Protein backbone atom coordinates (compact mmCIF):
# COMPACT_ATOMS: atom_id res chain seq x y z
CA UNK A 1 14.88 -222.83 -90.52
CA UNK A 2 16.64 -222.07 -87.31
CA UNK A 3 17.61 -218.83 -85.60
CA UNK A 4 20.85 -218.49 -87.58
CA UNK A 5 18.93 -218.37 -90.86
CA UNK A 6 16.82 -215.52 -89.54
CA UNK A 7 19.93 -213.69 -88.31
CA UNK A 8 21.55 -214.09 -91.74
CA UNK A 9 18.44 -212.82 -93.54
CA UNK A 10 18.21 -209.87 -91.15
CA UNK A 11 21.91 -209.06 -91.71
CA UNK A 12 21.45 -209.17 -95.49
CA UNK A 13 18.40 -206.91 -95.35
CA UNK A 14 20.16 -204.42 -93.09
CA UNK A 15 23.21 -204.39 -95.40
CA UNK A 16 20.98 -203.74 -98.41
CA UNK A 17 19.22 -200.92 -96.56
CA UNK A 18 22.52 -199.29 -95.56
CA UNK A 19 23.80 -199.49 -99.15
CA UNK A 20 20.59 -197.96 -100.54
CA UNK A 21 20.45 -195.14 -98.00
CA UNK A 22 24.17 -194.44 -98.36
CA UNK A 23 23.89 -194.38 -102.14
CA UNK A 24 20.92 -192.02 -101.97
CA UNK A 25 22.88 -189.72 -99.66
CA UNK A 26 25.95 -189.67 -101.93
CA UNK A 27 23.95 -189.08 -105.11
CA UNK A 28 22.03 -186.23 -103.49
CA UNK A 29 25.13 -184.65 -101.92
CA UNK A 30 26.23 -182.33 -104.79
CA UNK A 31 22.72 -180.88 -105.15
CA UNK A 32 22.36 -180.24 -101.43
CA UNK A 33 25.77 -178.58 -101.30
CA UNK A 34 24.88 -176.38 -104.28
CA UNK A 35 21.65 -175.26 -102.63
CA UNK A 36 23.46 -174.55 -99.37
CA UNK A 37 26.03 -172.44 -101.21
CA UNK A 38 23.21 -170.68 -103.15
CA UNK A 39 24.70 -171.72 -106.47
CA UNK A 40 22.74 -170.36 -109.47
CA UNK A 41 22.88 -173.77 -111.20
CA UNK A 42 21.81 -175.87 -108.22
CA UNK A 43 19.15 -177.81 -110.15
CA UNK A 44 21.59 -178.71 -112.92
CA UNK A 45 24.17 -179.80 -110.36
CA UNK A 46 21.58 -181.97 -108.63
CA UNK A 47 20.68 -183.67 -111.91
CA UNK A 48 24.36 -184.10 -112.77
CA UNK A 49 24.89 -185.80 -109.42
CA UNK A 50 22.05 -188.23 -110.10
CA UNK A 51 23.39 -188.92 -113.60
CA UNK A 52 26.43 -190.32 -111.83
CA UNK A 53 24.31 -193.39 -111.16
CA UNK A 54 24.14 -194.11 -114.90
CA UNK A 55 27.70 -193.06 -115.77
CA UNK A 56 29.49 -194.96 -112.98
CA UNK A 57 30.25 -191.80 -111.02
CA UNK A 58 31.69 -189.68 -113.84
CA UNK A 59 28.97 -187.01 -113.73
CA UNK A 60 28.89 -187.18 -109.92
CA UNK A 61 32.56 -186.17 -109.82
CA UNK A 62 31.85 -183.41 -112.34
CA UNK A 63 29.01 -182.15 -110.14
CA UNK A 64 31.29 -182.03 -107.11
CA UNK A 65 33.83 -179.97 -109.04
CA UNK A 66 31.05 -177.71 -110.33
CA UNK A 67 29.81 -177.03 -106.80
CA UNK A 68 33.18 -175.73 -105.64
CA UNK A 69 34.07 -173.84 -108.82
CA UNK A 70 34.34 -170.12 -108.07
CA UNK A 71 31.55 -168.08 -109.60
CA UNK A 72 32.27 -165.16 -111.92
CA UNK A 73 31.60 -161.94 -109.99
CA UNK A 74 30.65 -160.01 -113.14
CA UNK A 75 27.48 -162.10 -113.47
CA UNK A 76 26.37 -161.16 -109.97
CA UNK A 77 25.81 -157.54 -110.93
CA UNK A 78 28.84 -156.04 -109.19
CA UNK A 79 30.94 -153.44 -110.93
CA UNK A 80 34.64 -152.81 -110.56
């Protein structure tokens, strides 16, 4: 093995690490956004985001929509 083999192995390992860390970040993103926005269903949104891993991103997209869906003010205890 020469230096180019080691460079290729290092490049492959770094690519795998970037893909894993990037995937972790994207799957965790809806849950973190829900917590930041103080959404009452933050735990469910986090789980829905992680279920996107199994459903090829379908539940991840649903979680992103759920995060930005306006909340009903009547459930917050305000009266009109």
